Amino acid sequence: MTRIDDYKITCLRCGQVFSTASYESVNVSMAPRLKDDFLSGKLNTTACPKCNKQYTIGGTTLYHDVQNKIMIYVLLAEQYSNDKNEAIREFTAVLRECLSSSALASNIRDDFEQYHFDIVFSIDELKESLSNIETGIYNEKIATITNDVLLTEEKELPPPEKFIDIRGEKVSLKYFPKLAELLDVDPSLKNEILDTMQKNNADAINTMLVMEKVAKMLDDQIKK
C-alpha cells in the first residue's frame, strides 16, 4: 500500500510554517504514476507557499512493486549516508521483522520468498538497482540484502539504541557516534546543540550533522 503522512516545515528563509505530504511507502503497482514521480525526484519535494523556497523531504521511503516482486528502501536523509553499512543493517532488520511477523499469513510470507530486496541512498542508486533487478543482474549487495531479509534464524539482540531529546523530538544517536561519545562525557553538550539551532534557525538533524562533522575533524587533527 501507499502510505502518506503529514509533514510540517518551518521555512528557513521566511519562517512560514506549512504542511506537505510525505510519502513513506509507495506501491508503484497500485499507483503507477508515482513511479515516474519517484524516479524523476519529484516525490517528497515541495515549496514554501510564501517565498517559494524549494525543499526536499529527506527520510525513508519504501519502494514496493508488487507485480515485479521488488521492495527497496530509499534512504535520502543525510544521517544515513554517514554510515551506510549501519543503515543497511538497520533497515534489513526492519524488513526481516515485518516479513516474519506472525500477523502475516503463511502464504503471504511464502510469496516474499520470490522477492528481491535492496537498500539505496539516492534516486540514481534506486534507478541502478531497478535496472539490475529487472534485467536479471543481481549484484552481490542485492543478493546479500535479500538473503538477510529472508533469514529466519534468531540472532543476538543488538544493544539498546541511544537517543537525545531535542525540544521534545527524540533523535537517534546511531548516526552521530562522535556526538554520542561526547554526550556520554559531557551531557551539557545538548545545550550547545540547542544554542546552535537557535543561532542558525536550523532543525536538530541538520545542526547535529554539522556538529558531528566538526567533532570528527577535530578528533582526526588530535590523533595526527
N, C-alpha and C. Protein backbone atom coordinates (compact mmCIF):
# COMPACT_ATOMS: atom_id res chain seq x y z
N MET A 1 0.84 -1.19 0.00
CA MET A 1 0.00 0.00 0.00
C MET A 1 0.88 1.24 0.00
N THR A 2 0.28 2.36 -0.44
CA THR A 2 0.97 3.64 -0.40
C THR A 2 0.60 4.36 0.89
N ARG A 3 1.62 4.78 1.63
CA ARG A 3 1.39 5.45 2.90
C ARG A 3 1.86 6.90 2.82
N ILE A 4 0.96 7.82 3.16
CA ILE A 4 1.28 9.24 3.09
C ILE A 4 1.05 9.86 4.47
N ASP A 5 2.05 10.55 4.96
CA ASP A 5 1.95 11.24 6.25
C ASP A 5 2.00 12.75 6.04
N ASP A 6 1.54 13.47 7.06
CA ASP A 6 1.58 14.93 7.04
C ASP A 6 2.92 15.38 7.64
N TYR A 7 3.63 16.24 6.90
CA TYR A 7 4.96 16.68 7.33
C TYR A 7 4.97 18.20 7.44
N LYS A 8 5.37 18.70 8.62
CA LYS A 8 5.38 20.15 8.84
C LYS A 8 6.78 20.71 8.62
N ILE A 9 6.83 21.86 7.96
CA ILE A 9 8.10 22.52 7.64
C ILE A 9 8.05 23.97 8.13
N THR A 10 9.12 24.42 8.75
CA THR A 10 9.30 25.83 9.07
C THR A 10 10.32 26.38 8.08
N CYS A 11 9.90 27.28 7.22
CA CYS A 11 10.77 27.78 6.16
C CYS A 11 11.98 28.49 6.76
N LEU A 12 13.16 28.09 6.31
CA LEU A 12 14.40 28.69 6.80
C LEU A 12 14.62 30.10 6.26
N ARG A 13 13.90 30.44 5.17
CA ARG A 13 14.08 31.76 4.57
C ARG A 13 13.14 32.81 5.16
N CYS A 14 11.85 32.44 5.28
CA CYS A 14 10.88 33.46 5.71
C CYS A 14 10.16 33.10 7.01
N GLY A 15 10.37 31.89 7.53
CA GLY A 15 9.75 31.49 8.79
C GLY A 15 8.34 30.95 8.67
N GLN A 16 7.80 30.89 7.45
CA GLN A 16 6.45 30.37 7.24
C GLN A 16 6.37 28.90 7.66
N VAL A 17 5.32 28.57 8.41
CA VAL A 17 5.09 27.18 8.80
C VAL A 17 4.00 26.60 7.90
N PHE A 18 4.29 25.47 7.26
CA PHE A 18 3.30 24.87 6.36
C PHE A 18 3.43 23.35 6.38
N SER A 19 2.41 22.69 5.88
CA SER A 19 2.38 21.23 5.85
C SER A 19 2.46 20.74 4.42
N THR A 20 3.02 19.55 4.26
CA THR A 20 3.10 18.95 2.94
C THR A 20 2.98 17.43 3.09
N ALA A 21 2.70 16.77 1.98
CA ALA A 21 2.57 15.31 2.00
C ALA A 21 3.94 14.67 1.97
N SER A 22 4.14 13.68 2.83
CA SER A 22 5.39 12.92 2.87
C SER A 22 5.07 11.46 2.57
N TYR A 23 5.61 10.96 1.47
CA TYR A 23 5.37 9.57 1.08
C TYR A 23 6.37 8.68 1.79
N GLU A 24 5.88 7.82 2.71
CA GLU A 24 6.76 6.92 3.43
C GLU A 24 6.79 5.53 2.81
N SER A 25 5.77 5.23 2.02
CA SER A 25 5.72 3.95 1.31
C SER A 25 4.95 4.17 0.02
N VAL A 26 5.49 3.64 -1.08
CA VAL A 26 4.86 3.83 -2.38
C VAL A 26 4.70 2.48 -3.07
N ASN A 27 3.45 2.11 -3.36
CA ASN A 27 3.16 0.89 -4.11
C ASN A 27 2.98 1.29 -5.57
N VAL A 28 4.04 1.09 -6.37
CA VAL A 28 4.00 1.55 -7.76
C VAL A 28 3.13 0.67 -8.63
N SER A 29 2.76 -0.52 -8.15
CA SER A 29 1.84 -1.38 -8.90
C SER A 29 0.42 -0.84 -8.84
N MET A 30 0.05 -0.31 -7.67
CA MET A 30 -1.30 0.24 -7.49
C MET A 30 -1.38 1.69 -7.95
N ALA A 31 -0.25 2.41 -7.93
CA ALA A 31 -0.24 3.82 -8.33
C ALA A 31 0.94 4.04 -9.27
N PRO A 32 0.83 3.60 -10.54
CA PRO A 32 1.96 3.67 -11.48
C PRO A 32 2.50 5.07 -11.70
N ARG A 33 1.65 6.09 -11.61
CA ARG A 33 2.13 7.46 -11.85
C ARG A 33 3.17 7.87 -10.81
N LEU A 34 3.07 7.27 -9.60
CA LEU A 34 4.01 7.63 -8.55
C LEU A 34 5.41 7.10 -8.87
N LYS A 35 5.50 6.05 -9.69
CA LYS A 35 6.82 5.53 -10.06
C LYS A 35 7.59 6.58 -10.83
N ASP A 36 6.94 7.24 -11.80
CA ASP A 36 7.61 8.29 -12.57
C ASP A 36 8.01 9.46 -11.68
N ASP A 37 7.10 9.83 -10.77
CA ASP A 37 7.41 10.93 -9.85
C ASP A 37 8.59 10.57 -8.96
N PHE A 38 8.61 9.32 -8.50
CA PHE A 38 9.69 8.84 -7.63
C PHE A 38 11.03 8.90 -8.36
N LEU A 39 11.08 8.29 -9.56
CA LEU A 39 12.33 8.17 -10.29
C LEU A 39 12.82 9.50 -10.85
N SER A 40 11.92 10.46 -11.01
CA SER A 40 12.33 11.79 -11.50
C SER A 40 12.70 12.73 -10.38
N GLY A 41 12.56 12.25 -9.11
CA GLY A 41 12.92 13.08 -7.97
C GLY A 41 11.85 14.09 -7.56
N LYS A 42 10.63 13.93 -8.10
CA LYS A 42 9.56 14.87 -7.77
C LYS A 42 8.84 14.51 -6.47
N LEU A 43 8.94 13.24 -6.08
CA LEU A 43 8.25 12.80 -4.87
C LEU A 43 8.94 13.39 -3.65
N ASN A 44 8.14 13.76 -2.67
CA ASN A 44 8.66 14.32 -1.41
C ASN A 44 9.47 15.59 -1.63
N THR A 45 9.02 16.40 -2.57
CA THR A 45 9.58 17.73 -2.74
C THR A 45 8.43 18.74 -2.64
N THR A 46 8.74 19.94 -2.19
CA THR A 46 7.70 20.95 -2.03
C THR A 46 8.34 22.33 -2.05
N ALA A 47 7.50 23.37 -2.00
CA ALA A 47 7.99 24.74 -1.99
C ALA A 47 7.22 25.53 -0.95
N CYS A 48 7.88 26.47 -0.31
CA CYS A 48 7.21 27.34 0.66
C CYS A 48 6.14 28.16 -0.05
N PRO A 49 4.91 28.15 0.46
CA PRO A 49 3.83 28.89 -0.20
C PRO A 49 4.01 30.41 -0.13
N LYS A 50 4.91 30.87 0.74
CA LYS A 50 5.11 32.32 0.91
C LYS A 50 6.26 32.86 0.07
N CYS A 51 7.42 32.17 0.14
CA CYS A 51 8.60 32.70 -0.56
C CYS A 51 9.09 31.78 -1.68
N ASN A 52 8.46 30.62 -1.84
CA ASN A 52 8.76 29.66 -2.90
C ASN A 52 10.12 28.98 -2.75
N LYS A 53 10.71 29.01 -1.55
CA LYS A 53 11.95 28.25 -1.33
C LYS A 53 11.66 26.77 -1.48
N GLN A 54 12.51 26.07 -2.22
CA GLN A 54 12.30 24.66 -2.51
C GLN A 54 12.84 23.77 -1.39
N TYR A 55 12.12 22.70 -1.10
CA TYR A 55 12.53 21.76 -0.06
C TYR A 55 12.41 20.32 -0.56
N THR A 56 13.37 19.51 -0.18
CA THR A 56 13.30 18.06 -0.37
C THR A 56 13.19 17.42 1.00
N ILE A 57 12.20 16.58 1.18
CA ILE A 57 11.98 15.94 2.48
C ILE A 57 12.86 14.69 2.55
N GLY A 58 13.95 14.83 3.27
CA GLY A 58 14.84 13.69 3.44
C GLY A 58 14.25 12.72 4.44
N GLY A 59 14.51 11.46 4.25
CA GLY A 59 13.96 10.48 5.18
C GLY A 59 14.01 9.10 4.55
N THR A 60 13.01 8.29 4.85
CA THR A 60 12.96 6.93 4.31
C THR A 60 11.66 6.74 3.54
N THR A 61 11.78 6.16 2.36
CA THR A 61 10.60 5.84 1.56
C THR A 61 10.76 4.41 1.04
N LEU A 62 9.74 3.61 1.23
CA LEU A 62 9.77 2.22 0.77
C LEU A 62 9.17 2.14 -0.64
N TYR A 63 9.97 1.70 -1.59
CA TYR A 63 9.52 1.48 -2.96
C TYR A 63 9.06 0.03 -3.07
N HIS A 64 7.79 -0.17 -3.42
CA HIS A 64 7.23 -1.52 -3.44
C HIS A 64 6.54 -1.77 -4.78
N ASP A 65 7.07 -2.72 -5.52
CA ASP A 65 6.49 -3.14 -6.79
C ASP A 65 5.98 -4.56 -6.61
N VAL A 66 4.69 -4.69 -6.34
CA VAL A 66 4.09 -5.99 -6.06
C VAL A 66 4.14 -6.89 -7.30
N GLN A 67 3.85 -6.29 -8.45
CA GLN A 67 3.79 -7.07 -9.69
C GLN A 67 5.13 -7.73 -10.02
N ASN A 68 6.22 -6.97 -9.87
CA ASN A 68 7.55 -7.49 -10.21
C ASN A 68 8.32 -8.01 -9.00
N LYS A 69 7.66 -7.99 -7.83
CA LYS A 69 8.23 -8.52 -6.59
C LYS A 69 9.57 -7.85 -6.24
N ILE A 70 9.48 -6.55 -6.09
CA ILE A 70 10.65 -5.74 -5.74
C ILE A 70 10.30 -4.86 -4.55
N MET A 71 11.19 -4.82 -3.56
CA MET A 71 11.00 -3.95 -2.41
C MET A 71 12.35 -3.29 -2.08
N ILE A 72 12.37 -1.96 -2.15
CA ILE A 72 13.63 -1.24 -1.95
C ILE A 72 13.41 -0.08 -0.98
N TYR A 73 14.22 -0.01 0.05
CA TYR A 73 14.21 1.13 0.96
C TYR A 73 15.11 2.22 0.37
N VAL A 74 14.56 3.41 0.22
CA VAL A 74 15.31 4.55 -0.29
C VAL A 74 15.56 5.50 0.88
N LEU A 75 16.83 5.64 1.27
CA LEU A 75 17.21 6.44 2.44
C LEU A 75 17.87 7.73 1.96
N LEU A 76 17.13 8.83 2.00
CA LEU A 76 17.64 10.09 1.47
C LEU A 76 18.17 11.03 2.54
N ALA A 77 17.84 10.78 3.80
CA ALA A 77 18.32 11.66 4.86
C ALA A 77 19.83 11.52 5.00
N GLU A 78 20.51 12.66 5.20
CA GLU A 78 21.98 12.66 5.18
C GLU A 78 22.57 11.81 6.29
N GLN A 79 21.87 11.70 7.43
CA GLN A 79 22.48 10.94 8.53
C GLN A 79 22.68 9.48 8.17
N TYR A 80 21.85 8.94 7.26
CA TYR A 80 22.02 7.54 6.88
C TYR A 80 23.29 7.34 6.05
N SER A 81 23.64 8.34 5.23
CA SER A 81 24.83 8.21 4.40
C SER A 81 26.11 8.35 5.21
N ASN A 82 26.00 8.83 6.47
CA ASN A 82 27.18 8.91 7.33
C ASN A 82 27.74 7.53 7.63
N ASP A 83 26.86 6.55 7.72
CA ASP A 83 27.29 5.17 7.97
C ASP A 83 26.34 4.25 7.20
N LYS A 84 26.66 4.04 5.93
CA LYS A 84 25.77 3.27 5.06
C LYS A 84 25.64 1.81 5.51
N ASN A 85 26.75 1.24 5.97
CA ASN A 85 26.69 -0.16 6.39
C ASN A 85 25.76 -0.35 7.58
N GLU A 86 25.79 0.60 8.54
CA GLU A 86 24.90 0.53 9.69
C GLU A 86 23.45 0.72 9.27
N ALA A 87 23.23 1.65 8.34
CA ALA A 87 21.86 1.88 7.85
C ALA A 87 21.32 0.65 7.14
N ILE A 88 22.17 -0.02 6.35
CA ILE A 88 21.74 -1.24 5.66
C ILE A 88 21.37 -2.32 6.67
N ARG A 89 22.20 -2.47 7.70
CA ARG A 89 21.89 -3.47 8.73
C ARG A 89 20.57 -3.15 9.42
N GLU A 90 20.37 -1.87 9.74
CA GLU A 90 19.15 -1.47 10.45
C GLU A 90 17.90 -1.74 9.63
N PHE A 91 17.90 -1.33 8.37
CA PHE A 91 16.68 -1.45 7.57
C PHE A 91 16.49 -2.87 7.03
N THR A 92 17.56 -3.63 6.93
CA THR A 92 17.41 -5.05 6.64
C THR A 92 16.65 -5.73 7.78
N ALA A 93 17.04 -5.36 9.01
CA ALA A 93 16.35 -5.93 10.19
C ALA A 93 14.89 -5.52 10.22
N VAL A 94 14.60 -4.27 9.83
CA VAL A 94 13.21 -3.79 9.80
C VAL A 94 12.39 -4.62 8.82
N LEU A 95 12.93 -4.83 7.63
CA LEU A 95 12.22 -5.62 6.62
C LEU A 95 12.04 -7.07 7.09
N ARG A 96 13.10 -7.64 7.68
CA ARG A 96 13.02 -9.02 8.15
C ARG A 96 11.95 -9.17 9.22
N GLU A 97 11.89 -8.20 10.13
CA GLU A 97 10.90 -8.25 11.20
C GLU A 97 9.48 -8.17 10.64
N CYS A 98 9.29 -7.29 9.65
CA CYS A 98 7.96 -7.14 9.05
C CYS A 98 7.52 -8.44 8.36
N LEU A 99 8.45 -9.06 7.66
CA LEU A 99 8.12 -10.27 6.90
C LEU A 99 7.93 -11.49 7.79
N SER A 100 8.57 -11.49 8.95
CA SER A 100 8.45 -12.64 9.84
C SER A 100 7.32 -12.46 10.85
N SER A 101 6.60 -11.36 10.74
CA SER A 101 5.53 -11.08 11.68
C SER A 101 4.47 -12.18 11.65
N SER A 102 4.04 -12.56 12.83
CA SER A 102 3.01 -13.61 12.92
C SER A 102 1.67 -13.13 12.36
N ALA A 103 1.56 -11.81 12.16
CA ALA A 103 0.31 -11.26 11.62
C ALA A 103 0.17 -11.56 10.14
N LEU A 104 1.29 -11.91 9.48
CA LEU A 104 1.24 -12.23 8.06
C LEU A 104 0.82 -13.69 7.87
N ALA A 105 -0.10 -13.89 6.98
CA ALA A 105 -0.50 -15.25 6.66
C ALA A 105 0.68 -15.99 6.02
N SER A 106 0.77 -17.29 6.23
CA SER A 106 1.91 -18.06 5.74
C SER A 106 2.05 -17.97 4.23
N ASN A 107 0.93 -17.90 3.49
CA ASN A 107 1.02 -17.83 2.04
C ASN A 107 1.60 -16.49 1.59
N ILE A 108 1.36 -15.42 2.37
CA ILE A 108 1.94 -14.12 2.04
C ILE A 108 3.44 -14.15 2.29
N ARG A 109 3.84 -14.75 3.42
CA ARG A 109 5.27 -14.86 3.71
C ARG A 109 5.97 -15.69 2.63
N ASP A 110 5.32 -16.75 2.17
CA ASP A 110 5.90 -17.57 1.10
C ASP A 110 6.08 -16.77 -0.17
N ASP A 111 5.15 -15.85 -0.43
CA ASP A 111 5.23 -15.01 -1.63
C ASP A 111 6.48 -14.15 -1.60
N PHE A 112 6.85 -13.69 -0.41
CA PHE A 112 8.03 -12.83 -0.28
C PHE A 112 9.32 -13.59 -0.58
N GLU A 113 9.29 -14.91 -0.56
CA GLU A 113 10.48 -15.69 -0.89
C GLU A 113 10.92 -15.44 -2.34
N GLN A 114 10.01 -14.94 -3.16
CA GLN A 114 10.32 -14.67 -4.56
C GLN A 114 10.75 -13.22 -4.79
N TYR A 115 10.79 -12.42 -3.72
CA TYR A 115 11.12 -11.01 -3.85
C TYR A 115 12.63 -10.78 -3.95
N HIS A 116 12.96 -9.59 -4.46
CA HIS A 116 14.32 -9.08 -4.39
C HIS A 116 14.28 -7.77 -3.59
N PHE A 117 15.20 -7.66 -2.65
CA PHE A 117 15.23 -6.51 -1.74
C PHE A 117 16.54 -5.74 -1.92
N ASP A 118 16.45 -4.44 -1.69
CA ASP A 118 17.66 -3.63 -1.72
C ASP A 118 17.46 -2.40 -0.84
N ILE A 119 18.57 -1.74 -0.51
CA ILE A 119 18.55 -0.50 0.28
C ILE A 119 19.51 0.46 -0.40
N VAL A 120 19.00 1.63 -0.79
CA VAL A 120 19.81 2.58 -1.56
C VAL A 120 19.76 3.96 -0.90
N PHE A 121 20.67 4.86 -1.35
CA PHE A 121 20.83 6.14 -0.68
C PHE A 121 20.65 7.33 -1.62
N SER A 122 20.14 7.10 -2.81
CA SER A 122 19.86 8.18 -3.74
C SER A 122 18.91 7.68 -4.82
N ILE A 123 18.32 8.60 -5.56
CA ILE A 123 17.43 8.22 -6.66
C ILE A 123 18.23 7.52 -7.76
N ASP A 124 19.46 7.97 -8.00
CA ASP A 124 20.29 7.32 -9.01
C ASP A 124 20.58 5.87 -8.63
N GLU A 125 20.84 5.62 -7.33
CA GLU A 125 21.07 4.25 -6.87
C GLU A 125 19.80 3.42 -7.01
N LEU A 126 18.63 4.04 -6.80
CA LEU A 126 17.36 3.34 -6.97
C LEU A 126 17.20 2.92 -8.44
N LYS A 127 17.48 3.82 -9.36
CA LYS A 127 17.37 3.50 -10.78
C LYS A 127 18.31 2.36 -11.16
N GLU A 128 19.53 2.42 -10.65
CA GLU A 128 20.51 1.38 -10.95
C GLU A 128 20.06 0.02 -10.40
N SER A 129 19.53 0.04 -9.17
CA SER A 129 19.08 -1.20 -8.55
C SER A 129 17.91 -1.80 -9.34
N LEU A 130 16.96 -0.96 -9.73
CA LEU A 130 15.81 -1.44 -10.51
C LEU A 130 16.27 -2.01 -11.84
N SER A 131 17.23 -1.35 -12.46
CA SER A 131 17.75 -1.83 -13.74
C SER A 131 18.41 -3.19 -13.57
N ASN A 132 19.19 -3.34 -12.50
CA ASN A 132 19.86 -4.63 -12.25
C ASN A 132 18.85 -5.74 -12.01
N ILE A 133 17.85 -5.45 -11.17
CA ILE A 133 16.86 -6.47 -10.84
C ILE A 133 16.01 -6.84 -12.05
N GLU A 134 15.56 -5.82 -12.79
CA GLU A 134 14.64 -6.06 -13.91
C GLU A 134 15.34 -6.75 -15.08
N THR A 135 16.66 -6.61 -15.17
CA THR A 135 17.39 -7.28 -16.26
C THR A 135 18.02 -8.58 -15.80
N GLY A 136 17.77 -8.95 -14.54
CA GLY A 136 18.27 -10.21 -14.03
C GLY A 136 19.72 -10.18 -13.59
N ILE A 137 20.27 -8.96 -13.41
CA ILE A 137 21.66 -8.84 -12.93
C ILE A 137 21.60 -8.55 -11.44
N TYR A 138 21.72 -9.57 -10.63
CA TYR A 138 21.62 -9.41 -9.19
C TYR A 138 23.02 -9.32 -8.60
N ASN A 139 23.44 -8.09 -8.30
CA ASN A 139 24.79 -7.93 -7.76
C ASN A 139 24.88 -8.47 -6.34
N GLU A 140 26.09 -8.49 -5.82
CA GLU A 140 26.33 -9.10 -4.50
C GLU A 140 25.55 -8.40 -3.40
N LYS A 141 25.44 -7.06 -3.50
CA LYS A 141 24.72 -6.30 -2.47
C LYS A 141 23.25 -6.69 -2.43
N ILE A 142 22.60 -6.74 -3.58
CA ILE A 142 21.18 -7.11 -3.64
C ILE A 142 20.98 -8.54 -3.13
N ALA A 143 21.87 -9.43 -3.55
CA ALA A 143 21.74 -10.83 -3.13
C ALA A 143 21.92 -10.97 -1.62
N THR A 144 22.90 -10.24 -1.06
CA THR A 144 23.17 -10.32 0.38
C THR A 144 21.99 -9.78 1.18
N ILE A 145 21.49 -8.60 0.78
CA ILE A 145 20.36 -8.00 1.50
C ILE A 145 19.14 -8.89 1.40
N THR A 146 18.87 -9.44 0.21
CA THR A 146 17.71 -10.33 0.03
C THR A 146 17.82 -11.54 0.94
N ASN A 147 19.01 -12.14 0.99
CA ASN A 147 19.20 -13.31 1.85
C ASN A 147 19.02 -12.94 3.33
N ASP A 148 19.55 -11.78 3.73
CA ASP A 148 19.45 -11.36 5.13
C ASP A 148 18.01 -11.02 5.51
N VAL A 149 17.27 -10.42 4.58
CA VAL A 149 15.86 -10.09 4.86
C VAL A 149 15.05 -11.37 5.06
N LEU A 150 15.32 -12.38 4.25
CA LEU A 150 14.55 -13.62 4.31
C LEU A 150 15.06 -14.58 5.37
N LEU A 151 16.14 -14.21 6.05
CA LEU A 151 16.70 -15.06 7.10
C LEU A 151 15.70 -15.17 8.25
N THR A 152 15.51 -16.39 8.75
CA THR A 152 14.52 -16.58 9.81
C THR A 152 15.15 -17.01 11.13
N GLU A 153 16.43 -17.39 11.12
CA GLU A 153 17.03 -17.85 12.36
C GLU A 153 17.20 -16.69 13.34
N GLU A 154 17.10 -16.99 14.61
CA GLU A 154 17.22 -15.96 15.64
C GLU A 154 18.67 -15.53 15.79
N LYS A 155 18.85 -14.21 16.00
CA LYS A 155 20.18 -13.67 16.20
C LYS A 155 20.23 -12.93 17.52
N GLU A 156 21.43 -12.71 17.98
CA GLU A 156 21.61 -11.97 19.23
C GLU A 156 21.06 -10.56 19.08
N LEU A 157 20.32 -10.12 20.07
CA LEU A 157 19.73 -8.79 20.01
C LEU A 157 20.80 -7.72 20.05
N PRO A 158 20.66 -6.63 19.25
CA PRO A 158 21.64 -5.55 19.27
C PRO A 158 21.52 -4.75 20.56
N PRO A 159 22.56 -3.99 20.92
CA PRO A 159 22.49 -3.17 22.13
C PRO A 159 21.39 -2.12 22.00
N PRO A 160 20.81 -1.68 23.11
CA PRO A 160 19.74 -0.68 23.04
C PRO A 160 20.20 0.60 22.36
N GLU A 161 19.31 1.18 21.60
CA GLU A 161 19.64 2.40 20.85
C GLU A 161 19.63 3.62 21.78
N LYS A 162 20.58 4.53 21.55
CA LYS A 162 20.66 5.75 22.34
C LYS A 162 19.95 6.89 21.62
N PHE A 163 19.27 7.73 22.40
CA PHE A 163 18.56 8.88 21.85
C PHE A 163 18.93 10.13 22.64
N ILE A 164 18.70 11.29 22.01
CA ILE A 164 18.78 12.57 22.71
C ILE A 164 17.47 13.31 22.46
N ASP A 165 16.93 13.91 23.51
CA ASP A 165 15.67 14.64 23.40
C ASP A 165 15.97 16.10 23.10
N ILE A 166 15.55 16.56 21.91
CA ILE A 166 15.76 17.94 21.49
C ILE A 166 14.41 18.59 21.26
N ARG A 167 14.03 19.46 22.19
CA ARG A 167 12.73 20.17 22.09
C ARG A 167 11.58 19.19 21.87
N GLY A 168 11.60 18.10 22.60
CA GLY A 168 10.51 17.13 22.53
C GLY A 168 10.64 16.13 21.40
N GLU A 169 11.69 16.26 20.57
CA GLU A 169 11.90 15.32 19.47
C GLU A 169 13.02 14.35 19.84
N LYS A 170 12.74 13.05 19.77
CA LYS A 170 13.75 12.05 20.08
C LYS A 170 14.60 11.79 18.83
N VAL A 171 15.88 12.10 18.92
CA VAL A 171 16.79 11.92 17.80
C VAL A 171 17.75 10.77 18.12
N SER A 172 17.79 9.78 17.25
CA SER A 172 18.69 8.66 17.45
C SER A 172 20.13 9.11 17.29
N LEU A 173 21.01 8.60 18.18
CA LEU A 173 22.43 8.94 18.12
C LEU A 173 23.23 7.91 17.32
N LYS A 174 22.53 6.98 16.69
CA LYS A 174 23.19 5.91 15.97
C LYS A 174 24.09 6.44 14.87
N TYR A 175 23.65 7.53 14.22
CA TYR A 175 24.41 8.07 13.10
C TYR A 175 25.25 9.29 13.50
N PHE A 176 25.36 9.49 14.80
CA PHE A 176 26.18 10.58 15.33
C PHE A 176 27.12 10.00 16.40
N PRO A 177 28.01 9.06 16.03
CA PRO A 177 28.82 8.37 17.03
C PRO A 177 29.73 9.28 17.83
N LYS A 178 30.28 10.32 17.20
CA LYS A 178 31.18 11.22 17.92
C LYS A 178 30.39 12.07 18.92
N LEU A 179 29.22 12.57 18.51
CA LEU A 179 28.38 13.34 19.43
C LEU A 179 27.90 12.45 20.58
N ALA A 180 27.57 11.20 20.28
CA ALA A 180 27.13 10.27 21.33
C ALA A 180 28.23 10.07 22.35
N GLU A 181 29.46 9.95 21.86
CA GLU A 181 30.62 9.77 22.74
C GLU A 181 30.81 11.00 23.62
N LEU A 182 30.70 12.19 23.02
CA LEU A 182 30.89 13.42 23.77
C LEU A 182 29.77 13.66 24.79
N LEU A 183 28.54 13.28 24.41
CA LEU A 183 27.41 13.46 25.32
C LEU A 183 27.53 12.55 26.54
N ASP A 184 28.13 11.38 26.35
CA ASP A 184 28.36 10.49 27.49
C ASP A 184 29.30 11.13 28.50
N VAL A 185 30.27 11.89 27.98
CA VAL A 185 31.26 12.55 28.85
C VAL A 185 30.73 13.86 29.41
N ASP A 186 30.04 14.62 28.55
CA ASP A 186 29.56 15.95 28.94
C ASP A 186 28.13 16.16 28.44
N PRO A 187 27.11 15.82 29.25
CA PRO A 187 25.71 15.96 28.85
C PRO A 187 25.32 17.41 28.52
N SER A 188 26.11 18.40 29.00
CA SER A 188 25.77 19.80 28.73
C SER A 188 25.94 20.16 27.25
N LEU A 189 26.55 19.23 26.47
CA LEU A 189 26.67 19.45 25.04
C LEU A 189 25.30 19.66 24.39
N LYS A 190 24.27 19.09 25.02
CA LYS A 190 22.91 19.28 24.50
C LYS A 190 22.55 20.76 24.44
N ASN A 191 22.98 21.54 25.43
CA ASN A 191 22.70 22.98 25.44
C ASN A 191 23.38 23.67 24.27
N GLU A 192 24.58 23.21 23.92
CA GLU A 192 25.29 23.79 22.78
C GLU A 192 24.56 23.49 21.48
N ILE A 193 23.99 22.29 21.39
CA ILE A 193 23.20 21.93 20.20
C ILE A 193 21.99 22.86 20.07
N LEU A 194 21.30 23.07 21.19
CA LEU A 194 20.13 23.95 21.18
C LEU A 194 20.51 25.37 20.81
N ASP A 195 21.63 25.88 21.36
CA ASP A 195 22.08 27.24 21.05
C ASP A 195 22.42 27.38 19.57
N THR A 196 23.07 26.37 19.02
CA THR A 196 23.45 26.40 17.61
C THR A 196 22.21 26.36 16.71
N MET A 197 21.22 25.57 17.12
CA MET A 197 19.97 25.53 16.36
C MET A 197 19.32 26.90 16.31
N GLN A 198 19.27 27.57 17.46
CA GLN A 198 18.62 28.86 17.55
C GLN A 198 19.37 29.92 16.74
N LYS A 199 20.70 29.92 16.84
CA LYS A 199 21.51 30.92 16.13
C LYS A 199 21.39 30.78 14.62
N ASN A 200 21.26 29.55 14.14
CA ASN A 200 21.24 29.30 12.70
C ASN A 200 19.85 29.01 12.15
N ASN A 201 18.84 29.09 13.03
CA ASN A 201 17.46 28.82 12.62
C ASN A 201 17.38 27.49 11.86
N ALA A 202 18.02 26.46 12.45
CA ALA A 202 18.09 25.15 11.80
C ALA A 202 17.42 24.09 12.68
N ASP A 203 17.08 22.96 12.07
CA ASP A 203 16.47 21.89 12.86
C ASP A 203 17.54 21.04 13.52
N ALA A 204 17.11 20.11 14.36
CA ALA A 204 18.05 19.32 15.16
C ALA A 204 18.95 18.44 14.30
N ILE A 205 18.38 17.77 13.31
CA ILE A 205 19.16 16.85 12.49
C ILE A 205 20.28 17.57 11.75
N ASN A 206 19.95 18.67 11.05
CA ASN A 206 20.97 19.39 10.28
C ASN A 206 22.04 19.97 11.20
N THR A 207 21.62 20.47 12.36
CA THR A 207 22.59 21.01 13.32
C THR A 207 23.54 19.92 13.80
N MET A 208 23.00 18.76 14.13
CA MET A 208 23.83 17.68 14.63
C MET A 208 24.74 17.10 13.55
N LEU A 209 24.28 17.11 12.30
CA LEU A 209 25.13 16.66 11.20
C LEU A 209 26.38 17.53 11.09
N VAL A 210 26.18 18.84 11.18
CA VAL A 210 27.32 19.76 11.10
C VAL A 210 28.25 19.57 12.28
N MET A 211 27.67 19.47 13.49
CA MET A 211 28.49 19.32 14.70
C MET A 211 29.23 17.99 14.69
N GLU A 212 28.62 16.94 14.16
CA GLU A 212 29.27 15.64 14.06
C GLU A 212 30.51 15.73 13.16
N LYS A 213 30.36 16.43 12.03
CA LYS A 213 31.49 16.58 11.11
C LYS A 213 32.62 17.37 11.75
N VAL A 214 32.27 18.44 12.47
CA VAL A 214 33.28 19.25 13.13
C VAL A 214 34.00 18.43 14.21
N ALA A 215 33.23 17.68 15.00
CA ALA A 215 33.81 16.86 16.06
C ALA A 215 34.75 15.81 15.49
N LYS A 216 34.38 15.18 14.37
CA LYS A 216 35.23 14.18 13.74
C LYS A 216 36.51 14.82 13.21
N MET A 217 36.37 16.02 12.62
CA MET A 217 37.53 16.71 12.07
C MET A 217 38.52 17.06 13.18
N LEU A 218 38.02 17.57 14.31
CA LEU A 218 38.88 17.91 15.44
C LEU A 218 39.54 16.67 16.02
N ASP A 219 38.79 15.57 16.09
CA ASP A 219 39.33 14.32 16.61
C ASP A 219 40.46 13.80 15.71
N ASP A 220 40.27 13.93 14.39
CA ASP A 220 41.30 13.48 13.44
C ASP A 220 42.56 14.32 13.59
N GLN A 221 42.38 15.62 13.83
CA GLN A 221 43.54 16.52 13.99
C GLN A 221 44.31 16.18 15.25
N ILE A 222 43.60 15.83 16.32
CA ILE A 222 44.25 15.48 17.58
C ILE A 222 45.06 14.19 17.44
N LYS A 223 44.54 13.23 16.66
CA LYS A 223 45.20 11.94 16.51
C LYS A 223 46.43 12.00 15.63
N LYS A 224 46.54 13.07 14.82
CA LYS A 224 47.68 13.17 13.90
C LYS A 224 48.97 13.53 14.65
